[in-house]
């Protein structure tokens, strides 16, 4: 049990006068009781979301589940706004609590929570956004009831944010001032290990390859793929930069390493193709295999198969195996290449998923990639920048210490890391300012606390985000118990901040106001 947070006088907490902070020494145990009431119903919604995955901007079922639950099952707890901020699948929950002693003109402290619920094409909730959804709703609902129980005047806002994976939904919402109500925003992301860590910056380069014939277009595209791989091997600009290609064929997602790629080869025997691929395929291609056979297009159909994965990992997957096969065979004049079953189209489009640790380095990485592609591409376009998400002071230490306590499982495996494993559109909410030379964090528009938490049961191998197997992990009973603990911890932090203006000031000190 923590010591009472009686931070003397709540200076600046209200405009209407001086208010003593509440005694929150029983907060953690209080939240356990609250969780027993609120978590099961919210978990049922999250399970429904997991069973019915929807891609970005098509999350109508998930949207309706939230709206119906808080207007029909638990009405009156929140002010519910469906289709919020002009986005059909966004929503907003708003709650404020004013005990009788609260001055009528008091400005309430505010905390925000964010929830995601979009899935991935073909592999469902293989990024576990059903847990981000559940975490946001559960943490906010627990914090809401704790405010009432402990008599703490405050406000809580929850924003449902569509299309994190491809459309940078939070970046679109930020343009509508959706996050203006609070200076501190909480969310948590499931993965295969616990960490409080930054997230890298990301941009996609959509490259179109056109030619007079199908085979010429495929050759141009693969020559560009070879050039970009060579660029990456020689070292990209910036810090921890990467570029990963995704072929726009069949079911694809711009930030997912494809699990199967086919390349047709004319002018070579089946045995020669098999020998070539076997000489390339080694232990640096984890879980990748291939099959080859003559096909109806008149050549050898090489199909590379692998586990897929997250584009941020720069995994040598099936597409890389076909690129290296092309590299080996393309210097033979009598060999040409095609896409099996798709030989009538004189075009092939490639997405280059570009990442770097710091936002200010993205332009130089993008320029290097464009230069490597050169005039092979007919056109190269880009999408919304996902800014890097930085780890801000104060909250990480508070959170990791809280997780060590018995009420949260005495967890000691919560490093505060400098490694950025992936990207998030929450960087648009934070909008960090980083020194381009020292990389010191100088300021931000908002505090975004975004711990990544492990949902894999102890023992054995666990898939990583964007691998098909992670969808199964995200549906396990164990994964939901992990989300309950993290949601309860974020609720604990939220109530502490709302109760104690000194803590809130410490958490928000880096904001550029």
Protein backbone atom coordinates (compact mmCIF):
# COMPACT_ATOMS: atom_id res chain seq x y z
CA UNK A 1 0.00 0.00 0.00
CA UNK A 2 1.39 3.40 -0.97
CA UNK A 3 1.74 6.34 1.39
CA UNK A 4 -1.13 8.86 1.22
CA UNK A 5 -0.68 11.38 -1.58
CA UNK A 6 -1.71 14.39 0.48
CA UNK A 7 0.27 16.88 -1.56
CA UNK A 8 -0.79 19.67 0.77
CA UNK A 9 -2.74 22.22 -1.24
CA UNK A 10 -3.80 21.52 -4.79
CA UNK A 11 -2.32 24.71 -6.18
CA UNK A 12 -3.71 25.54 -9.59
CA UNK A 13 -5.99 22.52 -9.65
CA UNK A 14 -9.02 24.78 -9.70
CA UNK A 15 -9.56 28.38 -10.61
CA UNK A 16 -12.20 28.70 -7.90
CA UNK A 17 -10.06 28.19 -4.82
CA UNK A 18 -7.64 25.99 -2.88
CA UNK A 19 -8.65 22.34 -2.52
CA UNK A 20 -6.98 19.63 -0.45
CA UNK A 21 -6.03 16.51 -2.38
CA UNK A 22 -7.83 13.31 -1.48
CA UNK A 23 -6.25 10.43 0.42
CA UNK A 24 -5.54 7.82 -2.25
CA UNK A 25 -3.62 5.38 -0.06
CA UNK A 26 -6.27 2.73 -0.81
CA UNK A 27 -6.38 3.45 -4.54
CA UNK A 28 -4.78 0.21 -5.77
CA UNK A 29 -7.07 -2.02 -3.74
CA UNK A 30 -10.03 0.18 -4.67
CA UNK A 31 -9.24 -0.32 -8.36
CA UNK A 32 -9.21 -4.09 -7.93
CA UNK A 33 -12.76 -3.96 -6.63
CA UNK A 34 -13.81 -1.63 -9.43
CA UNK A 35 -12.18 -3.83 -12.05
CA UNK A 36 -14.19 -6.84 -10.92
CA UNK A 37 -17.31 -4.86 -11.85
CA UNK A 38 -16.31 -3.09 -15.07
CA UNK A 39 -13.75 -5.35 -16.75
CA UNK A 40 -15.83 -8.44 -17.65
CA UNK A 41 -18.35 -6.52 -19.76
CA UNK A 42 -15.63 -4.60 -21.57
CA UNK A 43 -13.64 -7.78 -22.14
CA UNK A 44 -16.69 -9.31 -23.84
CA UNK A 45 -16.75 -6.38 -26.27
CA UNK A 46 -13.03 -6.78 -26.98
CA UNK A 47 -13.48 -10.49 -27.65
CA UNK A 48 -16.23 -9.58 -30.12
CA UNK A 49 -13.85 -7.13 -31.81
CA UNK A 50 -11.18 -9.86 -32.02
CA UNK A 51 -13.67 -12.31 -33.56
CA UNK A 52 -14.86 -9.73 -36.09
CA UNK A 53 -11.73 -7.96 -37.39
CA UNK A 54 -12.25 -4.84 -39.48
CA UNK A 55 -9.62 -2.95 -41.44
CA UNK A 56 -9.05 0.78 -41.02
CA UNK A 57 -12.00 3.12 -41.62
CA UNK A 58 -14.28 0.09 -41.85
CA UNK A 59 -14.50 -0.51 -38.07
CA UNK A 60 -18.28 0.01 -37.98
CA UNK A 61 -19.00 -3.04 -35.82
CA UNK A 62 -16.40 -2.03 -33.22
CA UNK A 63 -17.73 1.54 -33.24
CA UNK A 64 -21.31 0.36 -32.72
CA UNK A 65 -20.32 -2.01 -29.92
CA UNK A 66 -18.93 0.91 -27.89
CA UNK A 67 -21.84 3.24 -28.60
CA UNK A 68 -24.44 0.58 -27.78
CA UNK A 69 -22.68 -0.54 -24.61
CA UNK A 70 -22.49 2.91 -23.08
CA UNK A 71 -25.93 4.03 -24.22
CA UNK A 72 -27.88 0.80 -23.56
CA UNK A 73 -25.97 -1.55 -21.23
CA UNK A 74 -24.37 1.08 -18.97
CA UNK A 75 -26.21 4.27 -19.85
CA UNK A 76 -25.52 7.54 -18.08
CA UNK A 77 -21.90 6.80 -17.17
CA UNK A 78 -20.43 8.73 -20.09
CA UNK A 79 -21.47 11.38 -22.53
CA UNK A 80 -21.22 9.38 -25.76
CA UNK A 81 -20.44 10.93 -29.14
CA UNK A 82 -20.70 8.52 -32.10
CA UNK A 83 -19.08 9.30 -35.46
CA UNK A 84 -16.93 11.88 -33.68
CA UNK A 85 -14.82 14.58 -35.34
CA UNK A 86 -16.27 13.88 -38.77
CA UNK A 87 -14.93 10.30 -38.90
CA UNK A 88 -17.59 7.63 -39.27
CA UNK A 89 -15.84 5.08 -37.04
CA UNK A 90 -14.40 7.44 -34.42
CA UNK A 91 -16.15 7.94 -31.10
CA UNK A 92 -15.71 9.94 -27.90
CA UNK A 93 -16.59 9.29 -24.27
CA UNK A 94 -16.61 12.21 -21.83
CA UNK A 95 -17.09 12.21 -18.04
CA UNK A 96 -16.66 14.83 -15.35
CA UNK A 97 -17.17 14.55 -11.63
CA UNK A 98 -17.90 17.53 -9.42
CA UNK A 99 -18.41 16.68 -5.74
CA UNK A 100 -20.68 19.09 -3.82
CA UNK A 101 -17.72 21.05 -2.40
CA UNK A 102 -16.29 21.82 -5.83
CA UNK A 103 -16.41 25.56 -6.60
CA UNK A 104 -18.86 26.19 -9.44
CA UNK A 105 -16.23 27.91 -11.58
CA UNK A 106 -13.57 25.25 -10.97
CA UNK A 107 -11.52 24.17 -13.97
CA UNK A 108 -11.23 20.41 -13.65
CA UNK A 109 -7.98 18.55 -14.34
CA UNK A 110 -8.30 16.24 -17.35
CA UNK A 111 -6.74 12.95 -18.46
CA UNK A 112 -7.29 11.38 -21.88
CA UNK A 113 -7.24 7.76 -23.04
CA UNK A 114 -6.92 6.51 -26.63
CA UNK A 115 -8.36 3.30 -28.06
CA UNK A 116 -7.53 1.54 -31.35
CA UNK A 117 -9.51 -1.27 -32.98
CA UNK A 118 -8.45 -1.70 -36.62
CA UNK A 119 -7.16 -5.04 -37.88
CA UNK A 120 -4.78 -6.19 -40.61
CA UNK A 121 -5.72 -7.41 -44.07
CA UNK A 122 -5.92 -11.20 -44.11
CA UNK A 123 -4.45 -11.81 -40.64
CA UNK A 124 -7.05 -10.22 -38.38
CA UNK A 125 -5.90 -8.81 -35.05
CA UNK A 126 -2.29 -9.87 -35.54
CA UNK A 127 -1.26 -6.55 -34.01
CA UNK A 128 -3.54 -6.99 -31.01
CA UNK A 129 -5.53 -3.79 -31.36
CA UNK A 130 -8.44 -5.50 -29.60
CA UNK A 131 -6.28 -5.11 -26.49
CA UNK A 132 -5.53 -1.42 -27.13
CA UNK A 133 -9.30 -1.02 -27.46
CA UNK A 134 -9.92 -2.87 -24.20
CA UNK A 135 -7.10 -1.14 -22.36
CA UNK A 136 -8.41 2.33 -23.18
CA UNK A 137 -11.99 1.55 -22.22
CA UNK A 138 -11.10 -0.41 -19.08
CA UNK A 139 -8.51 2.04 -17.74
CA UNK A 140 -10.84 4.99 -18.29
CA UNK A 141 -13.83 3.19 -16.74
CA UNK A 142 -11.80 2.14 -13.69
CA UNK A 143 -10.43 5.66 -13.23
CA UNK A 144 -13.93 7.13 -13.60
CA UNK A 145 -15.36 5.04 -10.79
CA UNK A 146 -12.32 5.66 -8.58
CA UNK A 147 -12.87 9.42 -8.87
CA UNK A 148 -16.41 8.97 -7.59
CA UNK A 149 -15.43 6.57 -4.82
CA UNK A 150 -12.60 8.79 -3.56
CA UNK A 151 -14.39 12.09 -4.15
CA UNK A 152 -11.87 13.57 -6.60
CA UNK A 153 -13.18 16.30 -8.91
CA UNK A 154 -11.83 15.70 -12.41
CA UNK A 155 -12.65 14.92 -16.03
CA UNK A 156 -11.80 11.93 -18.23
CA UNK A 157 -11.98 11.77 -22.02
CA UNK A 158 -11.68 8.67 -24.21
CA UNK A 159 -11.20 8.96 -27.98
CA UNK A 160 -11.72 5.99 -30.26
CA UNK A 161 -9.12 6.36 -33.00
CA UNK A 162 -9.67 4.49 -36.30
CA UNK A 163 -7.16 3.26 -38.86
CA UNK A 164 -3.83 3.28 -37.04
CA UNK A 165 -2.18 0.80 -39.38
CA UNK A 166 -2.43 2.57 -42.73
CA UNK A 167 -4.30 5.87 -42.56
CA UNK A 168 -2.70 7.53 -39.51
CA UNK A 169 -6.11 8.03 -37.92
CA UNK A 170 -4.74 9.96 -34.95
CA UNK A 171 -2.96 12.32 -37.32
CA UNK A 172 -6.28 13.03 -39.02
CA UNK A 173 -8.00 13.47 -35.66
CA UNK A 174 -5.25 15.78 -34.44
CA UNK A 175 -6.09 18.14 -37.29
CA UNK A 176 -9.61 18.46 -35.83
CA UNK A 177 -8.28 19.26 -32.32
CA UNK A 178 -9.61 15.95 -31.03
CA UNK A 179 -6.91 15.86 -28.33
CA UNK A 180 -7.15 19.45 -27.13
CA UNK A 181 -9.07 18.60 -23.95
CA UNK A 182 -6.16 16.94 -22.11
CA UNK A 183 -2.41 17.43 -21.84
CA UNK A 184 -1.78 13.81 -20.85
CA UNK A 185 -2.94 10.85 -22.94
CA UNK A 186 -2.64 7.17 -22.07
CA UNK A 187 -2.67 4.05 -24.22
CA UNK A 188 -0.89 0.69 -24.11
CA UNK A 189 0.11 -1.69 -26.90
CA UNK A 190 0.33 -5.50 -26.66
CA UNK A 191 3.42 -7.24 -27.97
CA UNK A 192 5.67 -10.12 -26.89
CA UNK A 193 7.64 -8.34 -24.14
CA UNK A 194 7.20 -5.54 -21.61
CA UNK A 195 8.94 -2.22 -22.19
CA UNK A 196 8.50 1.52 -21.94
CA UNK A 197 10.21 2.61 -25.14
CA UNK A 198 10.15 5.07 -28.02
CA UNK A 199 8.58 4.31 -31.39
CA UNK A 200 10.24 5.11 -34.69
CA UNK A 201 9.19 7.50 -37.46
CA UNK A 202 7.66 6.08 -40.63
CA UNK A 203 6.66 7.03 -44.16
CA UNK A 204 5.65 4.88 -47.12
CA UNK A 205 6.89 5.47 -50.67
CA UNK A 206 4.40 4.15 -53.23
CA UNK A 207 6.35 3.37 -56.39
CA UNK A 208 4.73 2.67 -59.75
CA UNK A 209 6.62 0.71 -62.39
CA UNK A 210 5.22 0.85 -65.92
CA UNK A 211 6.57 -0.43 -69.24
CA UNK A 212 5.49 -1.48 -72.72
CA UNK A 213 5.18 -5.11 -71.64
CA UNK A 214 4.48 -7.03 -68.46
CA UNK A 215 7.93 -8.60 -68.35
CA UNK A 216 9.64 -5.23 -68.80
CA UNK A 217 7.61 -3.77 -65.92
CA UNK A 218 8.52 -6.68 -63.64
CA UNK A 219 12.20 -6.30 -64.54
CA UNK A 220 12.12 -2.57 -63.76
CA UNK A 221 10.45 -3.18 -60.40
CA UNK A 222 12.88 -5.91 -59.42
CA UNK A 223 15.89 -3.87 -60.52
CA UNK A 224 14.65 -1.15 -58.17
CA UNK A 225 14.17 -3.70 -55.39
CA UNK A 226 17.77 -4.85 -55.83
CA UNK A 227 19.02 -1.25 -55.80
CA UNK A 228 17.16 -0.43 -52.59
CA UNK A 229 18.43 -3.60 -50.90
CA UNK A 230 21.97 -2.62 -51.84
CA UNK A 231 21.36 0.87 -50.47
CA UNK A 232 20.16 -0.53 -47.15
CA UNK A 233 23.10 -2.95 -46.97
CA UNK A 234 25.52 -0.06 -47.44
CA UNK A 235 23.93 1.99 -44.68
CA UNK A 236 20.98 4.35 -44.73
CA UNK A 237 21.07 7.94 -43.46
CA UNK A 238 19.83 8.65 -39.96
CA UNK A 239 19.71 6.50 -36.85
CA UNK A 240 18.50 2.88 -36.97
CA UNK A 241 16.91 3.50 -40.37
CA UNK A 242 15.34 0.75 -42.44
CA UNK A 243 13.48 0.21 -45.69
CA UNK A 244 11.31 -2.83 -46.41
CA UNK A 245 9.47 -3.55 -49.65
CA UNK A 246 5.91 -4.79 -50.03
CA UNK A 247 4.67 -5.98 -53.42
CA UNK A 248 1.17 -4.80 -54.32
CA UNK A 249 -0.05 -8.22 -55.40
CA UNK A 250 -2.85 -10.24 -53.82
CA UNK A 251 -3.57 -9.50 -50.16
CA UNK A 252 -1.02 -7.00 -48.91
CA UNK A 253 -0.58 -4.43 -46.17
CA UNK A 254 1.92 -1.61 -46.38
CA UNK A 255 3.64 -2.43 -43.07
CA UNK A 256 3.45 -6.24 -43.10
CA UNK A 257 6.14 -8.55 -44.49
CA UNK A 258 4.27 -10.79 -46.92
CA UNK A 259 4.00 -14.49 -46.16
CA UNK A 260 3.94 -15.63 -49.78
CA UNK A 261 5.38 -14.20 -53.00
CA UNK A 262 5.51 -15.75 -56.47
CA UNK A 263 7.93 -14.90 -59.26
CA UNK A 264 7.79 -16.48 -62.69
CA UNK A 265 11.01 -17.27 -64.55
CA UNK A 266 11.16 -17.87 -68.31
CA UNK A 267 14.26 -19.29 -70.00
CA UNK A 268 15.52 -21.46 -67.15
CA UNK A 269 14.92 -25.08 -66.27
CA UNK A 270 13.12 -26.15 -63.12
CA UNK A 271 16.30 -27.79 -61.84
CA UNK A 272 18.37 -24.63 -62.39
CA UNK A 273 15.83 -22.50 -60.52
CA UNK A 274 15.72 -24.97 -57.63
CA UNK A 275 19.51 -25.05 -57.39
CA UNK A 276 19.75 -21.26 -57.52
CA UNK A 277 17.16 -20.70 -54.79
CA UNK A 278 18.62 -23.44 -52.60
CA UNK A 279 22.04 -21.79 -52.80
CA UNK A 280 20.55 -18.50 -51.58
CA UNK A 281 18.23 -19.80 -48.87
CA UNK A 282 20.05 -20.13 -45.56
CA UNK A 283 19.53 -19.51 -41.85
CA UNK A 284 19.29 -15.74 -42.39
CA UNK A 285 15.81 -16.36 -43.82
CA UNK A 286 13.96 -17.44 -40.65
CA UNK A 287 11.12 -19.84 -41.38
CA UNK A 288 11.26 -19.28 -45.16
CA UNK A 289 10.86 -22.11 -47.66
CA UNK A 290 10.03 -22.37 -51.35
CA UNK A 291 8.43 -24.52 -53.97
CA UNK A 292 8.96 -24.41 -57.72
CA UNK A 293 7.09 -25.95 -60.63
CA UNK A 294 6.39 -25.40 -64.30
CA UNK A 295 3.20 -23.40 -64.83
CA UNK A 296 0.71 -22.56 -67.56
CA UNK A 297 2.48 -19.26 -68.29
CA UNK A 298 5.31 -21.23 -69.89
CA UNK A 299 7.95 -20.85 -67.22
CA UNK A 300 8.89 -21.86 -63.70
CA UNK A 301 6.70 -20.55 -60.90
CA UNK A 302 8.87 -19.89 -57.85
CA UNK A 303 6.74 -19.44 -54.73
CA UNK A 304 8.53 -18.32 -51.58
CA UNK A 305 6.71 -18.92 -48.29
CA UNK A 306 7.43 -17.54 -44.83
CA UNK A 307 5.89 -16.48 -41.54
CA UNK A 308 5.38 -12.85 -42.52
CA UNK A 309 6.05 -10.25 -39.88
CA UNK A 310 6.42 -6.60 -39.04
CA UNK A 311 8.00 -4.32 -41.62
CA UNK A 312 9.97 -2.60 -38.85
CA UNK A 313 11.98 -5.78 -38.28
CA UNK A 314 13.56 -5.75 -41.78
CA UNK A 315 12.97 -9.49 -41.90
CA UNK A 316 14.45 -11.45 -44.82
CA UNK A 317 11.15 -12.91 -45.92
CA UNK A 318 9.70 -14.39 -49.10
CA UNK A 319 9.99 -11.20 -51.17
CA UNK A 320 13.68 -10.88 -50.34
CA UNK A 321 14.24 -14.46 -51.48
CA UNK A 322 12.67 -13.68 -54.87
CA UNK A 323 14.71 -10.46 -55.12
CA UNK A 324 17.97 -12.32 -54.55
CA UNK A 325 16.90 -14.99 -57.03
CA UNK A 326 16.26 -12.24 -59.58
CA UNK A 327 19.68 -10.75 -58.83
CA UNK A 328 21.38 -14.07 -59.51
CA UNK A 329 19.51 -14.93 -62.71
CA UNK A 330 18.84 -11.53 -64.27
CA UNK A 331 22.29 -11.15 -65.86
CA UNK A 332 21.46 -13.96 -68.27
CA UNK A 333 20.11 -12.50 -71.52
CA UNK A 334 17.74 -15.36 -72.26
CA UNK A 335 15.92 -15.18 -68.91
CA UNK A 336 12.86 -13.02 -68.28
CA UNK A 337 10.53 -12.62 -65.32
CA UNK A 338 6.78 -12.37 -64.79
CA UNK A 339 4.08 -12.54 -62.14
CA UNK A 340 2.39 -15.95 -62.42
CA UNK A 341 -1.27 -15.67 -63.38
CA UNK A 342 -0.99 -11.91 -63.92
CA UNK A 343 0.93 -11.52 -67.18
CA UNK A 344 -1.46 -9.17 -68.98
CA UNK A 345 -0.75 -6.12 -66.80
CA UNK A 346 2.25 -4.04 -67.90
CA UNK A 347 2.75 -2.67 -64.39
CA UNK A 348 3.93 -3.63 -60.92
CA UNK A 349 3.60 -1.38 -57.88
CA UNK A 350 5.89 -1.59 -54.85
CA UNK A 351 5.53 0.04 -51.43
CA UNK A 352 8.77 0.91 -49.66
CA UNK A 353 8.14 1.07 -45.91
CA UNK A 354 10.73 3.60 -44.65
CA UNK A 355 11.56 4.06 -40.97
CA UNK A 356 14.07 5.94 -38.89
CA UNK A 357 14.49 6.48 -35.16
CA UNK A 358 13.99 10.25 -35.41
CA UNK A 359 11.43 12.12 -37.46
CA UNK A 360 13.92 14.68 -38.74
CA UNK A 361 15.87 11.91 -40.54
CA UNK A 362 12.96 10.62 -42.62
CA UNK A 363 13.45 13.10 -45.46
CA UNK A 364 17.06 12.08 -45.99
CA UNK A 365 16.19 8.38 -45.95
CA UNK A 366 13.34 8.95 -48.39
CA UNK A 367 15.62 10.93 -50.69
CA UNK A 368 18.19 8.14 -50.65
CA UNK A 369 15.55 5.55 -51.53
CA UNK A 370 14.22 7.69 -54.37
CA UNK A 371 17.74 8.15 -55.71
CA UNK A 372 18.35 4.41 -55.63
CA UNK A 373 15.15 3.77 -57.57
CA UNK A 374 16.04 6.50 -60.04
CA UNK A 375 14.06 6.67 -63.27
CA UNK A 376 12.96 3.04 -63.08
CA UNK A 377 9.72 4.18 -61.41
CA UNK A 378 7.11 6.07 -63.39
CA UNK A 379 5.98 7.83 -60.21
CA UNK A 380 6.72 7.78 -56.48
CA UNK A 381 4.18 9.10 -53.98
CA UNK A 382 4.18 9.19 -50.19
CA UNK A 383 1.60 9.00 -47.43
CA UNK A 384 1.27 10.64 -44.01
CA UNK A 385 4.39 10.80 -41.86
CA UNK A 386 4.11 8.88 -38.60
CA UNK A 387 6.33 10.99 -36.29
CA UNK A 388 8.55 9.23 -33.79
CA UNK A 389 7.05 8.84 -30.33
CA UNK A 390 9.48 9.83 -27.58
CA UNK A 391 9.63 8.70 -23.96
CA UNK A 392 8.91 11.74 -21.82
CA UNK A 393 10.15 12.18 -18.23
CA UNK A 394 8.47 11.20 -14.96
CA UNK A 395 5.63 8.84 -15.92
CA UNK A 396 7.83 5.91 -17.05
CA UNK A 397 9.53 5.66 -13.66
CA UNK A 398 6.24 6.04 -11.82
CA UNK A 399 4.68 3.28 -13.91
CA UNK A 400 7.54 0.78 -13.66
CA UNK A 401 7.70 1.24 -9.87
CA UNK A 402 3.95 0.71 -9.63
CA UNK A 403 4.22 -2.53 -11.62
CA UNK A 404 6.71 -3.85 -9.03
CA UNK A 405 4.09 -3.71 -6.28
CA UNK A 406 2.08 -6.79 -5.22
CA UNK A 407 -1.22 -5.35 -6.45
CA UNK A 408 0.18 -5.46 -10.00
CA UNK A 409 1.93 -8.82 -9.83
CA UNK A 410 5.34 -7.72 -8.48
CA UNK A 411 6.60 -7.33 -12.05
CA UNK A 412 10.29 -6.49 -12.32
CA UNK A 413 10.62 -7.01 -16.08
CA UNK A 414 9.68 -3.52 -17.21
CA UNK A 415 12.77 -1.88 -18.75
CA UNK A 416 12.75 1.75 -19.82
CA UNK A 417 14.41 1.20 -23.18
CA UNK A 418 15.87 3.36 -25.94
CA UNK A 419 15.05 0.78 -28.64
CA UNK A 420 12.19 1.70 -30.98
CA UNK A 421 10.50 -1.52 -32.18
CA UNK A 422 7.81 -0.11 -34.49
CA UNK A 423 5.79 3.01 -35.30
CA UNK A 424 2.55 4.56 -34.07
CA UNK A 425 0.35 7.41 -35.20
CA UNK A 426 0.28 8.53 -31.55
CA UNK A 427 3.40 10.46 -32.52
CA UNK A 428 1.05 12.96 -34.17
CA UNK A 429 -0.63 13.55 -30.82
CA UNK A 430 2.66 14.02 -28.98
CA UNK A 431 4.39 16.06 -31.72
CA UNK A 432 7.78 15.87 -30.01
CA UNK A 433 10.53 18.41 -30.60
CA UNK A 434 13.96 16.74 -30.69
CA UNK A 435 17.37 18.36 -31.07
CA UNK A 436 18.68 17.20 -34.47
CA UNK A 437 22.25 16.85 -33.20
CA UNK A 438 22.04 15.63 -29.61
CA UNK A 439 18.63 13.95 -30.04
CA UNK A 440 17.60 15.42 -26.69
CA UNK A 441 13.87 15.81 -26.19
CA UNK A 442 13.19 19.54 -26.04
CA UNK A 443 9.42 19.67 -25.86
CA UNK A 444 6.09 18.29 -27.05
CA UNK A 445 2.50 19.34 -27.64
CA UNK A 446 1.08 16.54 -25.47
CA UNK A 447 2.30 13.85 -23.12
CA UNK A 448 1.57 10.43 -24.61
CA UNK A 449 2.39 7.53 -22.31
CA UNK A 450 2.48 4.37 -24.43
CA UNK A 451 3.91 1.31 -22.65
CA UNK A 452 4.23 -1.90 -24.67
CA UNK A 453 3.18 -4.96 -22.70
CA UNK A 454 3.73 -8.66 -23.24
CA UNK A 455 0.67 -10.85 -23.71
CA UNK A 456 2.45 -14.15 -24.40
CA UNK A 457 2.08 -16.92 -21.85
CA UNK A 458 5.39 -17.87 -20.20
CA UNK A 459 7.45 -20.56 -21.91
CA UNK A 460 7.85 -21.37 -25.57
CA UNK A 461 8.09 -19.26 -28.70
CA UNK A 462 5.73 -16.33 -29.18
CA UNK A 463 4.93 -14.66 -32.48
CA UNK A 464 5.67 -10.96 -32.88
CA UNK A 465 3.18 -8.34 -34.03
CA UNK A 466 2.07 -8.68 -37.66
CA UNK A 467 2.93 -12.36 -37.78
CA UNK A 468 -0.27 -14.38 -38.32
CA UNK A 469 0.34 -16.27 -35.09
CA UNK A 470 0.02 -13.09 -33.05
CA UNK A 471 -3.68 -12.98 -33.92
CA UNK A 472 -4.08 -16.23 -32.01
CA UNK A 473 -2.03 -14.91 -29.09
CA UNK A 474 -4.27 -11.83 -28.94
CA UNK A 475 -7.30 -14.06 -28.40
CA UNK A 476 -5.99 -16.07 -25.45
CA UNK A 477 -7.39 -15.83 -21.95
CA UNK A 478 -3.89 -15.04 -20.67
CA UNK A 479 -3.66 -12.01 -22.95
CA UNK A 480 -6.81 -10.54 -21.44
CA UNK A 481 -5.50 -11.00 -17.90
CA UNK A 482 -2.40 -9.05 -18.92
CA UNK A 483 -4.52 -6.24 -20.33
CA UNK A 484 -6.55 -6.03 -17.13
CA UNK A 485 -3.40 -5.49 -15.07
CA UNK A 486 -1.97 -2.82 -17.37
CA UNK A 487 -5.33 -1.04 -17.65
CA UNK A 488 -5.62 -1.00 -13.87
CA UNK A 489 -2.11 0.43 -13.59
CA UNK A 490 -2.87 3.22 -16.06
CA UNK A 491 -6.07 3.98 -14.16
CA UNK A 492 -3.99 4.20 -10.99
CA UNK A 493 -1.59 6.68 -12.59
CA UNK A 494 -4.46 8.70 -14.04
CA UNK A 495 -6.19 9.09 -10.69
CA UNK A 496 -2.93 10.04 -8.99
CA UNK A 497 -2.30 12.76 -11.57
CA UNK A 498 -5.86 14.05 -11.40
CA UNK A 499 -5.66 14.17 -7.62
CA UNK A 500 -2.25 15.79 -7.27
CA UNK A 501 -1.39 18.96 -9.24
CA UNK A 502 2.28 18.66 -8.28
CA UNK A 503 2.45 15.25 -9.93
CA UNK A 504 0.55 16.57 -12.93
CA UNK A 505 3.04 19.43 -13.21
CA UNK A 506 5.94 16.97 -13.06
CA UNK A 507 4.36 14.85 -15.79
CA UNK A 508 3.68 17.80 -18.09
CA UNK A 509 6.78 19.88 -17.38
CA UNK A 510 8.28 19.30 -20.82
CA UNK A 511 5.25 20.60 -22.69
CA UNK A 512 5.86 23.74 -24.70
CA UNK A 513 3.13 26.01 -23.41
